[in-house]
Amino acid sequence: MSTEVTRVIVVVSQHWIVGSIPSNGQRIQDILRDANSNFARLIDVQIYADANHTTCIAALPQMVVPKDRIQLVILPEVQHEAPVKRWNNFSARTAANFSAIVGGFYVEGELQLPPSTIDVVHAFTQQLGTFFPITRASIIAPDKKRLSVPVLFANKRFLNCFSAEDAAKAENAAAELESSVS
């Protein structure tokens, strides 16, 4: 049996659970979207009450978290969690500048959308799963602490509101504005 694990931070309610998910070569997104399990298992867990991870409330060898309670899953490391699967399943994506309130957190970054996306609301309704990826992400916790991470997965069920703008169009508009001012 493979012992591959992926380091994650799982945010539930007001708690930050730092640990590892046994991934066995699977992407975290695939584990989160697996319809055969309503739970995520973490090992080597530390539980914190704040985004700074200043006070560890508990350290446990393992913890099981209901997926429907997870607000955010953060991948704090730059290295892709399943490089072989990524290589074999690569598909081009469209990026949109994204800002949202997810649970009690303000999140911003690049929303990764299927290339056929015409409308972001349609994508949320028909194309994106319960957990959707945001790359180059920043999270601002209620205590105003900012955490920047390479990628996170937000749970659509905790999405309170959002703003999304095609990244290419935004860059072109910024360039046009800059050239008109010059």
N, C-alpha and C. Protein backbone atom coordinates (compact mmCIF):
# COMPACT_ATOMS: atom_id res chain seq x y z
N MET A 1 0.84 -1.19 0.00
CA MET A 1 0.00 0.00 0.00
C MET A 1 0.88 1.24 0.00
N SER A 2 0.54 2.22 -0.84
CA SER A 2 1.31 3.44 -0.95
C SER A 2 1.14 4.30 0.29
N THR A 3 2.19 5.02 0.63
CA THR A 3 2.14 5.87 1.82
C THR A 3 2.28 7.34 1.46
N GLU A 4 1.93 7.70 0.22
CA GLU A 4 2.01 9.10 -0.19
C GLU A 4 1.01 9.93 0.58
N VAL A 5 1.46 11.08 1.05
CA VAL A 5 0.59 12.00 1.76
C VAL A 5 0.79 13.40 1.20
N THR A 6 -0.23 14.22 1.36
CA THR A 6 -0.17 15.62 0.94
C THR A 6 -0.46 16.49 2.14
N ARG A 7 0.44 17.43 2.40
CA ARG A 7 0.29 18.36 3.51
C ARG A 7 -0.83 19.34 3.18
N VAL A 8 -1.76 19.55 4.09
CA VAL A 8 -2.90 20.44 3.88
C VAL A 8 -3.21 21.23 5.15
N ILE A 9 -3.97 22.27 4.95
CA ILE A 9 -4.61 22.99 6.06
C ILE A 9 -6.10 22.96 5.74
N VAL A 10 -6.87 22.39 6.63
CA VAL A 10 -8.32 22.29 6.44
C VAL A 10 -8.98 23.29 7.39
N VAL A 11 -9.82 24.15 6.84
CA VAL A 11 -10.50 25.17 7.65
C VAL A 11 -11.94 24.74 7.85
N VAL A 12 -12.32 24.56 9.11
CA VAL A 12 -13.70 24.26 9.49
C VAL A 12 -14.11 25.25 10.57
N SER A 13 -15.25 25.87 10.39
CA SER A 13 -15.75 26.84 11.34
C SER A 13 -14.64 27.83 11.67
N GLN A 14 -14.23 27.93 12.90
CA GLN A 14 -13.17 28.86 13.31
C GLN A 14 -11.84 28.16 13.55
N HIS A 15 -11.71 26.93 13.12
CA HIS A 15 -10.50 26.16 13.41
C HIS A 15 -9.71 25.83 12.16
N TRP A 16 -8.41 25.82 12.31
CA TRP A 16 -7.47 25.48 11.25
C TRP A 16 -6.83 24.15 11.62
N ILE A 17 -7.06 23.14 10.81
CA ILE A 17 -6.54 21.80 11.07
C ILE A 17 -5.36 21.58 10.12
N VAL A 18 -4.17 21.48 10.67
CA VAL A 18 -2.97 21.28 9.89
C VAL A 18 -2.61 19.80 9.97
N GLY A 19 -2.44 19.17 8.82
CA GLY A 19 -2.11 17.75 8.82
C GLY A 19 -1.81 17.27 7.42
N SER A 20 -1.90 15.99 7.23
CA SER A 20 -1.65 15.39 5.92
C SER A 20 -2.81 14.49 5.54
N ILE A 21 -3.14 14.51 4.27
CA ILE A 21 -4.17 13.61 3.73
C ILE A 21 -3.46 12.49 3.00
N PRO A 22 -3.72 11.23 3.35
CA PRO A 22 -3.16 10.13 2.57
C PRO A 22 -3.72 10.21 1.14
N SER A 23 -2.84 10.51 0.19
CA SER A 23 -3.31 10.77 -1.17
C SER A 23 -3.06 9.62 -2.13
N ASN A 24 -2.07 8.81 -1.85
CA ASN A 24 -1.78 7.64 -2.70
C ASN A 24 -1.78 7.97 -4.19
N GLY A 25 -1.17 9.10 -4.54
CA GLY A 25 -1.07 9.48 -5.94
C GLY A 25 -2.27 10.21 -6.50
N GLN A 26 -3.30 10.41 -5.69
CA GLN A 26 -4.49 11.13 -6.15
C GLN A 26 -4.33 12.62 -5.87
N ARG A 27 -5.01 13.43 -6.68
CA ARG A 27 -5.06 14.86 -6.41
C ARG A 27 -6.02 15.10 -5.24
N ILE A 28 -5.75 16.13 -4.47
CA ILE A 28 -6.64 16.49 -3.36
C ILE A 28 -8.03 16.82 -3.90
N GLN A 29 -8.10 17.48 -5.03
CA GLN A 29 -9.40 17.81 -5.61
C GLN A 29 -10.20 16.54 -5.89
N ASP A 30 -9.54 15.49 -6.38
CA ASP A 30 -10.24 14.23 -6.64
C ASP A 30 -10.72 13.59 -5.34
N ILE A 31 -9.92 13.68 -4.30
CA ILE A 31 -10.30 13.13 -2.99
C ILE A 31 -11.52 13.88 -2.45
N LEU A 32 -11.50 15.20 -2.57
CA LEU A 32 -12.61 16.02 -2.07
C LEU A 32 -13.90 15.75 -2.85
N ARG A 33 -13.77 15.48 -4.15
CA ARG A 33 -14.94 15.27 -5.00
C ARG A 33 -15.40 13.81 -5.04
N ASP A 34 -14.69 12.91 -4.39
CA ASP A 34 -15.03 11.49 -4.42
C ASP A 34 -16.41 11.28 -3.79
N ALA A 35 -17.36 10.87 -4.60
CA ALA A 35 -18.74 10.66 -4.14
C ALA A 35 -18.88 9.42 -3.27
N ASN A 36 -17.87 8.57 -3.23
CA ASN A 36 -17.93 7.34 -2.42
C ASN A 36 -17.60 7.57 -0.95
N SER A 37 -17.18 8.78 -0.61
CA SER A 37 -16.88 9.08 0.79
C SER A 37 -17.33 10.49 1.14
N ASN A 38 -17.98 10.60 2.27
CA ASN A 38 -18.42 11.91 2.76
C ASN A 38 -17.43 12.50 3.75
N PHE A 39 -16.27 11.85 3.91
CA PHE A 39 -15.30 12.26 4.92
C PHE A 39 -13.90 12.38 4.32
N ALA A 40 -13.10 13.23 4.94
CA ALA A 40 -11.68 13.34 4.61
C ALA A 40 -10.90 12.92 5.85
N ARG A 41 -9.92 12.04 5.65
CA ARG A 41 -9.10 11.56 6.77
C ARG A 41 -7.77 12.29 6.74
N LEU A 42 -7.41 12.83 7.88
CA LEU A 42 -6.13 13.51 8.04
C LEU A 42 -5.29 12.76 9.07
N ILE A 43 -3.98 12.80 8.88
CA ILE A 43 -3.07 12.20 9.86
C ILE A 43 -2.08 13.26 10.33
N ASP A 44 -1.44 12.98 11.47
CA ASP A 44 -0.47 13.91 12.08
C ASP A 44 -1.07 15.31 12.18
N VAL A 45 -2.12 15.44 12.93
CA VAL A 45 -2.95 16.64 12.97
C VAL A 45 -2.60 17.55 14.14
N GLN A 46 -2.57 18.85 13.84
CA GLN A 46 -2.51 19.89 14.87
C GLN A 46 -3.70 20.81 14.62
N ILE A 47 -4.40 21.17 15.68
CA ILE A 47 -5.58 22.02 15.57
C ILE A 47 -5.27 23.38 16.18
N TYR A 48 -5.59 24.43 15.41
CA TYR A 48 -5.35 25.80 15.85
C TYR A 48 -6.65 26.59 15.79
N ALA A 49 -6.74 27.62 16.64
CA ALA A 49 -7.94 28.45 16.67
C ALA A 49 -7.77 29.73 15.86
N ASP A 50 -6.59 29.92 15.25
CA ASP A 50 -6.37 31.13 14.47
C ASP A 50 -5.51 30.85 13.24
N ALA A 51 -5.54 31.81 12.31
CA ALA A 51 -4.80 31.65 11.06
C ALA A 51 -3.29 31.70 11.25
N ASN A 52 -2.84 32.29 12.34
CA ASN A 52 -1.40 32.40 12.60
C ASN A 52 -0.79 31.11 13.14
N HIS A 53 -1.64 30.18 13.54
CA HIS A 53 -1.18 28.92 14.14
C HIS A 53 -0.30 29.19 15.36
N THR A 54 -0.71 30.14 16.19
CA THR A 54 0.10 30.51 17.35
C THR A 54 -0.10 29.57 18.54
N THR A 55 -1.31 29.12 18.74
CA THR A 55 -1.56 28.24 19.88
C THR A 55 -2.20 26.96 19.40
N CYS A 56 -1.49 25.87 19.57
CA CYS A 56 -2.02 24.57 19.18
C CYS A 56 -2.98 24.10 20.27
N ILE A 57 -4.22 23.88 19.91
CA ILE A 57 -5.23 23.42 20.86
C ILE A 57 -5.06 21.94 21.15
N ALA A 58 -4.74 21.18 20.09
CA ALA A 58 -4.58 19.73 20.25
C ALA A 58 -3.70 19.19 19.13
N ALA A 59 -2.99 18.13 19.44
CA ALA A 59 -2.22 17.38 18.44
C ALA A 59 -2.73 15.94 18.50
N LEU A 60 -3.16 15.42 17.36
CA LEU A 60 -3.78 14.10 17.31
C LEU A 60 -3.13 13.28 16.20
N PRO A 61 -3.09 11.96 16.36
CA PRO A 61 -2.51 11.14 15.30
C PRO A 61 -3.37 11.11 14.04
N GLN A 62 -4.68 11.26 14.18
CA GLN A 62 -5.57 11.30 13.01
C GLN A 62 -6.87 11.99 13.36
N MET A 63 -7.57 12.42 12.32
CA MET A 63 -8.87 13.06 12.49
C MET A 63 -9.67 12.83 11.22
N VAL A 64 -10.96 12.63 11.37
CA VAL A 64 -11.87 12.48 10.24
C VAL A 64 -12.78 13.70 10.23
N VAL A 65 -12.87 14.34 9.05
CA VAL A 65 -13.64 15.57 8.92
C VAL A 65 -14.74 15.35 7.87
N PRO A 66 -16.01 15.60 8.22
CA PRO A 66 -17.06 15.53 7.20
C PRO A 66 -16.79 16.57 6.11
N LYS A 67 -16.81 16.16 4.87
CA LYS A 67 -16.51 17.07 3.76
C LYS A 67 -17.49 18.24 3.70
N ASP A 68 -18.73 18.02 4.08
CA ASP A 68 -19.71 19.10 4.00
C ASP A 68 -19.50 20.17 5.06
N ARG A 69 -18.56 19.95 6.00
CA ARG A 69 -18.23 20.95 7.02
C ARG A 69 -16.97 21.73 6.67
N ILE A 70 -16.25 21.27 5.67
CA ILE A 70 -14.99 21.91 5.28
C ILE A 70 -15.30 23.17 4.47
N GLN A 71 -14.74 24.30 4.92
CA GLN A 71 -14.90 25.55 4.19
C GLN A 71 -13.80 25.72 3.14
N LEU A 72 -12.55 25.49 3.56
CA LEU A 72 -11.39 25.65 2.68
C LEU A 72 -10.42 24.50 2.91
N VAL A 73 -9.75 24.09 1.84
CA VAL A 73 -8.62 23.18 1.94
C VAL A 73 -7.46 23.89 1.27
N ILE A 74 -6.41 24.11 2.03
CA ILE A 74 -5.27 24.89 1.56
C ILE A 74 -4.10 23.94 1.32
N LEU A 75 -3.48 24.07 0.15
CA LEU A 75 -2.25 23.35 -0.14
C LEU A 75 -1.12 24.36 0.03
N PRO A 76 -0.42 24.31 1.17
CA PRO A 76 0.57 25.35 1.46
C PRO A 76 1.88 25.23 0.69
N GLU A 77 2.10 24.10 0.03
CA GLU A 77 3.37 23.89 -0.67
C GLU A 77 3.20 24.09 -2.16
N VAL A 78 4.25 24.59 -2.81
CA VAL A 78 4.21 24.88 -4.23
C VAL A 78 4.19 23.61 -5.07
N GLN A 79 4.85 22.57 -4.62
CA GLN A 79 4.93 21.32 -5.38
C GLN A 79 3.54 20.73 -5.59
N HIS A 80 3.26 20.28 -6.82
CA HIS A 80 1.95 19.69 -7.11
C HIS A 80 1.81 18.38 -6.36
N GLU A 81 0.63 18.13 -5.82
CA GLU A 81 0.43 16.97 -4.94
C GLU A 81 0.38 15.64 -5.66
N ALA A 82 0.12 15.63 -6.96
CA ALA A 82 0.06 14.38 -7.72
C ALA A 82 0.60 14.63 -9.12
N PRO A 83 1.93 14.78 -9.26
CA PRO A 83 2.49 15.19 -10.55
C PRO A 83 2.20 14.22 -11.69
N VAL A 84 2.20 12.92 -11.45
CA VAL A 84 1.93 11.95 -12.52
C VAL A 84 0.49 12.10 -13.00
N LYS A 85 -0.44 12.20 -12.07
CA LYS A 85 -1.85 12.36 -12.45
C LYS A 85 -2.05 13.69 -13.17
N ARG A 86 -1.37 14.73 -12.71
CA ARG A 86 -1.49 16.03 -13.36
C ARG A 86 -0.99 15.94 -14.80
N TRP A 87 0.14 15.30 -15.00
CA TRP A 87 0.70 15.18 -16.34
C TRP A 87 -0.26 14.44 -17.28
N ASN A 88 -0.85 13.35 -16.78
CA ASN A 88 -1.73 12.53 -17.61
C ASN A 88 -3.11 13.14 -17.83
N ASN A 89 -3.54 14.01 -16.93
CA ASN A 89 -4.89 14.58 -17.02
C ASN A 89 -4.89 16.08 -17.29
N PHE A 90 -3.78 16.61 -17.78
CA PHE A 90 -3.69 18.06 -17.96
C PHE A 90 -4.76 18.55 -18.93
N SER A 91 -5.41 19.62 -18.57
CA SER A 91 -6.34 20.28 -19.48
C SER A 91 -6.20 21.79 -19.29
N ALA A 92 -6.26 22.50 -20.38
CA ALA A 92 -6.13 23.96 -20.33
C ALA A 92 -7.29 24.55 -19.54
N ARG A 93 -7.01 25.60 -18.82
CA ARG A 93 -8.02 26.28 -18.02
C ARG A 93 -8.05 27.76 -18.37
N THR A 94 -9.15 28.38 -18.08
CA THR A 94 -9.30 29.82 -18.19
C THR A 94 -9.22 30.36 -16.77
N ALA A 95 -8.46 31.44 -16.58
CA ALA A 95 -8.34 32.02 -15.25
C ALA A 95 -9.18 33.28 -15.17
N ALA A 96 -9.81 33.46 -14.02
CA ALA A 96 -10.58 34.67 -13.76
C ALA A 96 -10.11 35.26 -12.44
N ASN A 97 -9.89 36.57 -12.41
CA ASN A 97 -9.58 37.21 -11.13
C ASN A 97 -10.81 37.03 -10.25
N PHE A 98 -10.58 36.56 -9.03
CA PHE A 98 -11.69 36.12 -8.19
C PHE A 98 -11.54 36.67 -6.79
N SER A 99 -12.63 37.17 -6.25
CA SER A 99 -12.72 37.60 -4.85
C SER A 99 -14.03 37.05 -4.32
N ALA A 100 -13.99 36.58 -3.07
CA ALA A 100 -15.21 35.99 -2.50
C ALA A 100 -15.15 36.01 -0.98
N ILE A 101 -16.32 35.85 -0.41
CA ILE A 101 -16.41 35.57 1.02
C ILE A 101 -16.86 34.13 1.12
N VAL A 102 -16.00 33.31 1.70
CA VAL A 102 -16.25 31.88 1.86
C VAL A 102 -16.26 31.62 3.36
N GLY A 103 -17.42 31.22 3.89
CA GLY A 103 -17.52 31.10 5.34
C GLY A 103 -17.29 32.48 5.93
N GLY A 104 -16.37 32.58 6.86
CA GLY A 104 -16.03 33.88 7.45
C GLY A 104 -14.75 34.46 6.90
N PHE A 105 -14.30 34.01 5.72
CA PHE A 105 -13.01 34.41 5.19
C PHE A 105 -13.16 35.13 3.86
N TYR A 106 -12.34 36.18 3.68
CA TYR A 106 -12.26 36.84 2.39
C TYR A 106 -11.15 36.14 1.61
N VAL A 107 -11.45 35.69 0.40
CA VAL A 107 -10.51 34.94 -0.42
C VAL A 107 -10.37 35.65 -1.75
N GLU A 108 -9.13 35.76 -2.24
CA GLU A 108 -8.91 36.30 -3.56
C GLU A 108 -7.81 35.52 -4.26
N GLY A 109 -7.84 35.53 -5.58
CA GLY A 109 -6.84 34.82 -6.37
C GLY A 109 -7.37 34.60 -7.77
N GLU A 110 -6.91 33.50 -8.40
CA GLU A 110 -7.36 33.18 -9.75
C GLU A 110 -8.24 31.94 -9.71
N LEU A 111 -9.48 32.12 -10.14
CA LEU A 111 -10.43 31.02 -10.24
C LEU A 111 -10.12 30.25 -11.51
N GLN A 112 -9.95 28.94 -11.39
CA GLN A 112 -9.64 28.10 -12.54
C GLN A 112 -10.93 27.55 -13.12
N LEU A 113 -11.20 27.91 -14.37
CA LEU A 113 -12.46 27.54 -15.02
C LEU A 113 -12.19 26.68 -16.25
N PRO A 114 -13.13 25.81 -16.59
CA PRO A 114 -13.00 25.06 -17.84
C PRO A 114 -12.91 26.04 -19.02
N PRO A 115 -12.18 25.69 -20.08
CA PRO A 115 -12.00 26.63 -21.20
C PRO A 115 -13.29 27.00 -21.92
N SER A 116 -14.31 26.18 -21.82
CA SER A 116 -15.58 26.46 -22.50
C SER A 116 -16.48 27.40 -21.70
N THR A 117 -16.01 27.92 -20.58
CA THR A 117 -16.84 28.76 -19.72
C THR A 117 -17.19 30.07 -20.40
N ILE A 118 -18.48 30.34 -20.46
CA ILE A 118 -18.98 31.60 -21.03
C ILE A 118 -19.36 32.55 -19.89
N ASP A 119 -19.92 31.98 -18.84
CA ASP A 119 -20.42 32.79 -17.72
C ASP A 119 -20.03 32.11 -16.42
N VAL A 120 -19.50 32.88 -15.47
CA VAL A 120 -19.02 32.31 -14.21
C VAL A 120 -20.17 31.72 -13.39
N VAL A 121 -21.32 32.36 -13.39
CA VAL A 121 -22.46 31.82 -12.65
C VAL A 121 -22.86 30.46 -13.23
N HIS A 122 -22.87 30.37 -14.54
CA HIS A 122 -23.16 29.08 -15.18
C HIS A 122 -22.11 28.04 -14.78
N ALA A 123 -20.85 28.46 -14.73
CA ALA A 123 -19.78 27.53 -14.33
C ALA A 123 -20.02 27.01 -12.92
N PHE A 124 -20.42 27.89 -12.00
CA PHE A 124 -20.70 27.44 -10.63
C PHE A 124 -21.89 26.50 -10.59
N THR A 125 -22.86 26.74 -11.43
CA THR A 125 -24.06 25.92 -11.44
C THR A 125 -23.85 24.58 -12.12
N GLN A 126 -23.16 24.58 -13.26
CA GLN A 126 -23.09 23.38 -14.09
C GLN A 126 -21.71 22.72 -14.22
N GLN A 127 -20.63 23.47 -14.07
CA GLN A 127 -19.32 22.93 -14.41
C GLN A 127 -18.41 22.65 -13.23
N LEU A 128 -18.47 23.45 -12.20
CA LEU A 128 -17.56 23.29 -11.07
C LEU A 128 -18.17 22.35 -10.03
N GLY A 129 -17.33 21.55 -9.42
CA GLY A 129 -17.79 20.66 -8.37
C GLY A 129 -17.97 21.41 -7.06
N THR A 130 -18.29 20.69 -6.03
CA THR A 130 -18.49 21.30 -4.71
C THR A 130 -17.24 22.05 -4.26
N PHE A 131 -16.07 21.46 -4.49
CA PHE A 131 -14.81 22.12 -4.15
C PHE A 131 -14.18 22.63 -5.43
N PHE A 132 -13.93 23.93 -5.49
CA PHE A 132 -13.36 24.52 -6.70
C PHE A 132 -12.01 25.17 -6.38
N PRO A 133 -11.07 25.12 -7.35
CA PRO A 133 -9.72 25.60 -7.09
C PRO A 133 -9.54 27.10 -7.31
N ILE A 134 -8.75 27.69 -6.43
CA ILE A 134 -8.31 29.08 -6.57
C ILE A 134 -6.80 29.06 -6.44
N THR A 135 -6.11 29.53 -7.47
CA THR A 135 -4.65 29.56 -7.44
C THR A 135 -4.16 30.96 -7.10
N ARG A 136 -2.88 31.04 -6.72
CA ARG A 136 -2.28 32.32 -6.30
C ARG A 136 -3.21 33.01 -5.32
N ALA A 137 -3.61 32.27 -4.32
CA ALA A 137 -4.68 32.70 -3.43
C ALA A 137 -4.16 33.44 -2.20
N SER A 138 -4.99 34.33 -1.71
CA SER A 138 -4.78 34.99 -0.41
C SER A 138 -6.07 34.82 0.38
N ILE A 139 -5.89 34.55 1.66
CA ILE A 139 -7.03 34.40 2.57
C ILE A 139 -6.86 35.46 3.65
N ILE A 140 -7.92 36.20 3.90
CA ILE A 140 -7.89 37.15 5.00
C ILE A 140 -8.90 36.67 6.01
N ALA A 141 -8.38 36.31 7.19
CA ALA A 141 -9.22 35.78 8.26
C ALA A 141 -9.92 36.94 8.98
N PRO A 142 -10.96 36.63 9.77
CA PRO A 142 -11.66 37.69 10.51
C PRO A 142 -10.73 38.53 11.40
N ASP A 143 -9.61 37.94 11.83
CA ASP A 143 -8.65 38.71 12.64
C ASP A 143 -7.71 39.56 11.77
N LYS A 144 -8.02 39.66 10.48
CA LYS A 144 -7.31 40.48 9.48
C LYS A 144 -5.92 39.96 9.14
N LYS A 145 -5.61 38.75 9.52
CA LYS A 145 -4.33 38.15 9.14
C LYS A 145 -4.45 37.62 7.72
N ARG A 146 -3.44 37.90 6.91
CA ARG A 146 -3.42 37.46 5.51
C ARG A 146 -2.48 36.28 5.37
N LEU A 147 -2.95 35.27 4.64
CA LEU A 147 -2.15 34.09 4.32
C LEU A 147 -2.17 33.92 2.81
N SER A 148 -0.99 33.92 2.18
CA SER A 148 -0.89 33.71 0.74
C SER A 148 -0.44 32.28 0.49
N VAL A 149 -1.13 31.59 -0.42
CA VAL A 149 -0.83 30.18 -0.71
C VAL A 149 -0.90 29.95 -2.21
N PRO A 150 -0.19 28.91 -2.69
CA PRO A 150 -0.23 28.63 -4.13
C PRO A 150 -1.59 28.19 -4.64
N VAL A 151 -2.29 27.38 -3.84
CA VAL A 151 -3.61 26.90 -4.28
C VAL A 151 -4.47 26.55 -3.07
N LEU A 152 -5.76 26.77 -3.21
CA LEU A 152 -6.71 26.33 -2.20
C LEU A 152 -7.97 25.85 -2.91
N PHE A 153 -8.74 25.06 -2.19
CA PHE A 153 -10.03 24.61 -2.68
C PHE A 153 -11.09 25.17 -1.74
N ALA A 154 -12.07 25.86 -2.32
CA ALA A 154 -13.15 26.43 -1.53
C ALA A 154 -14.40 25.57 -1.73
N ASN A 155 -15.16 25.42 -0.67
CA ASN A 155 -16.41 24.66 -0.72
C ASN A 155 -17.53 25.59 -1.17
N LYS A 156 -18.13 25.27 -2.30
CA LYS A 156 -19.20 26.08 -2.88
C LYS A 156 -20.34 26.31 -1.90
N ARG A 157 -20.57 25.36 -1.01
CA ARG A 157 -21.69 25.49 -0.04
C ARG A 157 -21.48 26.62 0.95
N PHE A 158 -20.21 27.07 1.11
CA PHE A 158 -19.91 28.16 2.04
C PHE A 158 -19.66 29.47 1.31
N LEU A 159 -19.92 29.50 0.01
CA LEU A 159 -19.71 30.70 -0.79
C LEU A 159 -20.85 31.67 -0.51
N ASN A 160 -20.54 32.80 0.10
CA ASN A 160 -21.55 33.81 0.45
C ASN A 160 -21.78 34.80 -0.68
N CYS A 161 -20.71 35.22 -1.35
CA CYS A 161 -20.80 36.13 -2.48
C CYS A 161 -19.46 36.12 -3.19
N PHE A 162 -19.44 36.56 -4.47
CA PHE A 162 -18.18 36.57 -5.19
C PHE A 162 -18.19 37.59 -6.31
N SER A 163 -16.99 37.89 -6.78
CA SER A 163 -16.77 38.71 -7.95
C SER A 163 -15.72 37.99 -8.79
N ALA A 164 -15.98 37.88 -10.09
CA ALA A 164 -15.03 37.21 -10.98
C ALA A 164 -14.92 38.00 -12.27
N GLU A 165 -13.69 38.16 -12.74
CA GLU A 165 -13.44 38.90 -13.96
C GLU A 165 -12.39 38.16 -14.77
N ASP A 166 -12.62 38.00 -16.04
CA ASP A 166 -11.67 37.33 -16.92
C ASP A 166 -10.30 38.00 -16.77
N ALA A 167 -9.30 37.23 -16.38
CA ALA A 167 -7.96 37.76 -16.10
C ALA A 167 -7.36 38.42 -17.34
N ALA A 168 -7.50 37.81 -18.51
CA ALA A 168 -6.93 38.38 -19.74
C ALA A 168 -7.58 39.71 -20.07
N LYS A 169 -8.92 39.78 -19.93
CA LYS A 169 -9.62 41.04 -20.21
C LYS A 169 -9.20 42.13 -19.22
N ALA A 170 -9.01 41.76 -17.95
CA ALA A 170 -8.59 42.72 -16.94
C ALA A 170 -7.19 43.25 -17.24
N GLU A 171 -6.28 42.37 -17.66
CA GLU A 171 -4.93 42.80 -18.01
C GLU A 171 -4.96 43.73 -19.22
N ASN A 172 -5.76 43.40 -20.24
CA ASN A 172 -5.87 44.25 -21.43
C ASN A 172 -6.45 45.61 -21.07
N ALA A 173 -7.47 45.64 -20.22
CA ALA A 173 -8.08 46.92 -19.82
C ALA A 173 -7.08 47.75 -19.04
N ALA A 174 -6.29 47.13 -18.16
CA ALA A 174 -5.28 47.85 -17.39
C ALA A 174 -4.20 48.41 -18.32
N ALA A 175 -3.80 47.63 -19.31
CA ALA A 175 -2.79 48.10 -20.27
C ALA A 175 -3.33 49.25 -21.09
N GLU A 176 -4.58 49.17 -21.54
CA GLU A 176 -5.20 50.26 -22.30
C GLU A 176 -5.30 51.52 -21.47
N LEU A 177 -5.68 51.37 -20.20
CA LEU A 177 -5.78 52.53 -19.31
C LEU A 177 -4.41 53.16 -19.11
N GLU A 178 -3.40 52.34 -18.90
CA GLU A 178 -2.05 52.83 -18.70
C GLU A 178 -1.54 53.57 -19.95
N SER A 179 -1.81 53.00 -21.14
CA SER A 179 -1.32 53.64 -22.36
C SER A 179 -2.09 54.94 -22.65
N SER A 180 -3.35 55.03 -22.25
CA SER A 180 -4.11 56.26 -22.47
C SER A 180 -3.68 57.36 -21.52
N VAL A 181 -3.16 56.99 -20.36
CA VAL A 181 -2.69 57.97 -19.39
C VAL A 181 -1.30 58.50 -19.78
N SER A 182 -0.52 57.65 -20.42
CA SER A 182 0.86 58.03 -20.80
C SER A 182 0.92 59.07 -21.87
